[in-house]
Protein backbone atom coordinates (compact mmCIF):
# COMPACT_ATOMS: atom_id res chain seq x y z
CA UNK A 1 16.55 -19.94 -16.89
CA UNK A 2 19.36 -17.55 -18.08
CA UNK A 3 21.56 -19.45 -20.60
CA UNK A 4 20.30 -16.86 -23.72
CA UNK A 5 18.91 -13.38 -23.66
CA UNK A 6 15.46 -14.71 -25.20
CA UNK A 7 14.95 -16.91 -22.45
CA UNK A 8 14.92 -13.80 -20.12
CA UNK A 9 12.72 -12.02 -22.62
CA UNK A 10 10.37 -14.55 -22.77
CA UNK A 11 9.90 -14.79 -19.12
CA UNK A 12 9.39 -11.15 -18.84
CA UNK A 13 6.62 -11.20 -21.59
CA UNK A 14 5.33 -14.13 -20.09
CA UNK A 15 5.09 -12.01 -16.87
CA UNK A 16 3.33 -9.15 -18.46
CA UNK A 17 0.94 -11.19 -20.05
CA UNK A 18 0.02 -12.60 -17.00
CA UNK A 19 -0.71 -9.21 -15.23
CA UNK A 20 -2.92 -8.41 -18.12
CA UNK A 21 -4.91 -10.94 -16.96
CA UNK A 22 -5.23 -10.38 -13.50
CA UNK A 23 -2.74 -13.80 -12.74
CA UNK A 24 -1.11 -11.51 -9.97
CA UNK A 25 0.31 -14.54 -7.70
CA UNK A 26 1.98 -16.05 -10.82
CA UNK A 27 3.75 -12.63 -11.69
CA UNK A 28 4.82 -11.96 -8.34
CA UNK A 29 6.37 -15.20 -8.17
CA UNK A 30 8.69 -14.95 -11.54
CA UNK A 31 9.43 -11.41 -10.33
CA UNK A 32 10.61 -12.59 -6.90
CA UNK A 33 12.97 -15.22 -8.82
CA UNK A 34 15.13 -12.76 -10.76
CA UNK A 35 14.77 -9.96 -8.24
CA UNK A 36 16.13 -12.42 -5.67
CA UNK A 37 18.97 -13.68 -7.92
CA UNK A 38 22.07 -12.83 -9.77
CA UNK A 39 20.74 -13.24 -13.06
CA UNK A 40 23.25 -12.56 -15.86
CA UNK A 41 20.97 -10.63 -17.70
CA UNK A 42 19.76 -8.31 -15.28
CA UNK A 43 23.47 -7.65 -14.29
CA UNK A 44 24.03 -6.62 -17.98
CA UNK A 45 21.26 -4.43 -18.67
CA UNK A 46 20.18 -2.67 -15.58
CA UNK A 47 16.74 -1.44 -16.99
CA UNK A 48 15.89 -5.19 -16.92
CA UNK A 49 15.99 -5.11 -13.13
CA UNK A 50 13.71 -1.98 -13.23
CA UNK A 51 11.22 -3.64 -15.38
CA UNK A 52 11.03 -6.63 -13.04
CA UNK A 53 10.80 -4.56 -9.95
CA UNK A 54 7.84 -2.80 -11.48
CA UNK A 55 6.12 -6.11 -12.40
CA UNK A 56 6.22 -7.10 -8.77
CA UNK A 57 4.94 -3.78 -8.00
CA UNK A 58 1.72 -4.23 -10.19
CA UNK A 59 1.39 -7.84 -9.04
CA UNK A 60 1.87 -7.01 -5.52
CA UNK A 61 -0.84 -3.95 -6.14
CA UNK A 62 -3.26 -6.17 -7.75
CA UNK A 63 -2.78 -9.02 -5.29
CA UNK A 64 -3.81 -6.91 -2.24
CA UNK A 65 -7.06 -5.36 -4.08
CA UNK A 66 -7.95 -8.91 -4.70
CA UNK A 67 -7.35 -9.66 -1.04
CA UNK A 68 -9.47 -6.79 0.19
CA UNK A 69 -12.54 -7.12 -1.69
CA UNK A 70 -14.15 -4.40 -3.83
CA UNK A 71 -16.03 -3.12 -0.88
CA UNK A 72 -16.34 -3.23 2.70
CA UNK A 73 -18.75 -5.80 2.90
CA UNK A 74 -21.48 -4.33 5.04
CA UNK A 75 -19.73 -3.63 8.51
CA UNK A 76 -21.77 -3.21 11.47
CA UNK A 77 -20.25 -0.02 12.25
CA UNK A 78 -17.39 2.53 11.98
CA UNK A 79 -15.51 0.39 14.17
CA UNK A 80 -16.01 -2.77 12.34
CA UNK A 81 -14.98 -0.89 9.07
CA UNK A 82 -12.13 0.59 10.70
CA UNK A 83 -10.99 -2.94 11.60
CA UNK A 84 -11.38 -4.05 7.94
CA UNK A 85 -9.04 -1.15 6.99
CA UNK A 86 -6.38 -1.91 9.28
CA UNK A 87 -6.71 -5.60 8.44
CA UNK A 88 -6.88 -5.40 4.80
CA UNK A 89 -7.44 -1.90 3.24
CA UNK A 90 -4.17 -0.74 3.97
CA UNK A 91 -2.52 -2.91 2.67
CA UNK A 92 -3.89 -1.67 -1.05
CA UNK A 93 -3.32 1.74 0.02
CA UNK A 94 0.82 1.23 0.34
CA UNK A 95 0.89 -1.25 -2.68
CA UNK A 96 -0.63 1.74 -4.69
CA UNK A 97 1.84 4.31 -3.25
CA UNK A 98 4.89 2.18 -3.72
CA UNK A 99 3.91 1.56 -7.00
CA UNK A 100 3.54 5.46 -8.04
CA UNK A 101 7.06 6.01 -6.31
CA UNK A 102 8.54 3.35 -8.45
CA UNK A 103 6.93 4.20 -11.82
CA UNK A 104 7.89 7.88 -11.23
CA UNK A 105 11.80 6.38 -10.33
CA UNK A 106 11.89 3.59 -13.07
CA UNK A 107 9.52 4.03 -15.92
CA UNK A 108 11.52 5.40 -18.58
CA UNK A 109 11.67 4.47 -22.41
CA UNK A 110 14.72 2.75 -22.53
CA UNK A 111 13.95 -0.05 -20.10
CA UNK A 112 12.74 -3.56 -20.87
CA UNK A 113 8.96 -3.68 -22.34
CA UNK A 114 8.79 -0.14 -21.78
CA UNK A 115 5.18 0.18 -23.59
CA UNK A 116 3.75 -2.87 -22.40
CA UNK A 117 4.86 -2.01 -18.81
CA UNK A 118 2.87 1.74 -19.14
CA UNK A 119 0.17 -0.12 -20.26
CA UNK A 120 0.09 -2.59 -17.15
CA UNK A 121 0.93 0.46 -14.60
CA UNK A 122 -1.83 2.61 -16.06
CA UNK A 123 -4.36 -0.49 -15.86
CA UNK A 124 -3.11 -0.80 -12.07
CA UNK A 125 -3.75 2.45 -11.34
CA UNK A 126 -7.46 2.54 -12.59
CA UNK A 127 -7.93 -0.76 -10.83
CA UNK A 128 -7.02 0.82 -7.71
CA UNK A 129 -8.83 4.00 -8.64
CA UNK A 130 -12.24 1.74 -8.81
CA UNK A 131 -11.08 -0.02 -5.66
CA UNK A 132 -10.89 3.02 -3.61
CA UNK A 133 -14.12 4.48 -5.25
CA UNK A 134 -15.97 1.74 -3.93
CA UNK A 135 -14.63 1.68 -0.48
CA UNK A 136 -15.21 5.32 -0.13
CA UNK A 137 -18.90 4.60 -1.39
CA UNK A 138 -19.55 2.10 1.35
CA UNK A 139 -17.81 4.06 4.25
CA UNK A 140 -19.81 7.22 3.14
CA UNK A 141 -23.18 5.23 3.35
CA UNK A 142 -21.99 3.56 6.49
CA UNK A 143 -21.80 7.11 7.69
CA UNK A 144 -25.59 8.09 6.71
CA UNK A 145 -26.94 5.01 8.13
CA UNK A 146 -25.04 4.84 11.85
CA UNK A 147 -23.50 8.55 11.87
CA UNK A 148 -20.37 10.50 11.42
CA UNK A 149 -19.05 10.43 14.63
CA UNK A 150 -16.98 7.85 15.78
CA UNK A 151 -16.73 5.61 19.08
CA UNK A 152 -14.57 7.83 21.87
CA UNK A 153 -11.75 5.60 21.35
CA UNK A 154 -11.51 6.17 17.39
CA UNK A 155 -11.30 10.07 17.44
CA UNK A 156 -8.66 11.98 16.53
CA UNK A 157 -9.62 14.86 18.75
CA UNK A 158 -8.89 12.84 21.88
CA UNK A 159 -5.43 11.69 20.98
CA UNK A 160 -3.66 14.50 22.95
CA UNK A 161 -5.91 13.80 26.50
CA UNK A 162 -5.96 10.04 26.11
CA UNK A 163 -2.48 9.29 25.27
CA UNK A 164 -0.58 12.07 25.52
CA UNK A 165 -1.34 13.58 28.75
CA UNK A 166 -0.71 10.09 30.45
CA UNK A 167 2.64 9.26 28.69
CA UNK A 168 3.53 13.28 29.77
CA UNK A 169 3.18 12.25 33.68
CA UNK A 170 5.67 9.49 33.53
CA UNK A 171 9.45 9.98 34.12
CA UNK A 172 11.65 11.04 31.01
CA UNK A 173 10.79 13.38 28.51
CA UNK A 174 7.71 12.71 26.00
CA UNK A 175 7.75 14.42 22.31
CA UNK A 176 4.22 14.52 20.64
CA UNK A 177 4.66 14.80 16.52
CA UNK A 178 1.85 16.27 14.45
CA UNK A 179 1.99 14.91 11.13
CA UNK A 180 -0.23 16.26 8.75
CA UNK A 181 -2.25 13.70 6.23
CA UNK A 182 -0.44 10.53 8.05
CA UNK A 183 -2.23 7.55 6.61
CA UNK A 184 -2.50 4.30 8.80
CA UNK A 185 -0.31 2.51 6.23
CA UNK A 186 2.52 5.47 6.44
CA UNK A 187 2.39 4.79 9.97
CA UNK A 188 2.87 1.73 9.93
CA UNK A 189 6.00 1.61 8.16
CA UNK A 190 6.98 4.58 10.37
CA UNK A 191 6.18 1.90 13.52
CA UNK A 192 8.73 -0.60 11.84
CA UNK A 193 11.29 1.99 11.58
CA UNK A 194 11.02 3.04 15.27
CA UNK A 195 10.27 -0.19 17.07
CA UNK A 196 13.45 -1.78 17.46
CA UNK A 197 15.15 1.40 18.86
CA UNK A 198 16.40 0.31 22.27
CA UNK A 199 14.29 1.35 25.18
CA UNK A 200 11.59 2.09 23.16
CA UNK A 201 7.92 0.78 23.33
CA UNK A 202 6.12 1.19 20.01
CA UNK A 203 2.03 0.59 19.65
CA UNK A 204 0.04 1.83 16.71
CA UNK A 205 -4.07 2.43 16.67
CA UNK A 206 -6.05 4.08 14.19
CA UNK A 207 -8.15 7.24 14.53
CA UNK A 208 -10.71 8.90 12.70
CA UNK A 209 -10.36 12.63 11.72
CA UNK A 210 -13.79 14.36 12.12
CA UNK A 211 -15.84 14.83 9.18
CA UNK A 212 -15.98 17.02 6.89
CA UNK A 213 -12.20 16.69 7.11
CA UNK A 214 -11.20 20.65 5.67
CA UNK A 215 -7.47 21.91 6.24
CA UNK A 216 -8.52 25.62 6.93
């Protein structure tokens, strides 16, 4: 639908309404069509593409939270909790980070449906906060019941001896990068960026910092 401007406005308004009613898949499908098309009204008013980009980001976050669930679902131990975060939780944090980054870059008063979009973004921020709080409480309860120290294979303190040293014994050069606060979802993006490098074998596995994690 691209003949008249009011048609584009009507579809954008419907997408914002869908976000307000937690119909994430519906809003995402409309946003995908607009962002992947050569729509006339999006070329005529670049701010409309920014609006649709933010609609997509809110829908992506909502969908990721819906898929992950409100809590850890009573894992049997730290290994199972970590596996669940890797499987579904990291996607939520990635979607939230990308939404906040694009909000900073794209949300300005002249884009289409500015006030409504700002409201949906605020709601999405609150939705993520409640999700993160729920998972954090579940993880804390798990640590209290089963102990804070994870199995050796999940301890961050063992990375150098268990991973770096064996690699350093092989032919060639081994480079060891230490990145502060490298969340798992960020490591997934780093993996995607380097795994296609010729002559490179890239793998990713999670580790837990010792608790309490205090910088000083």
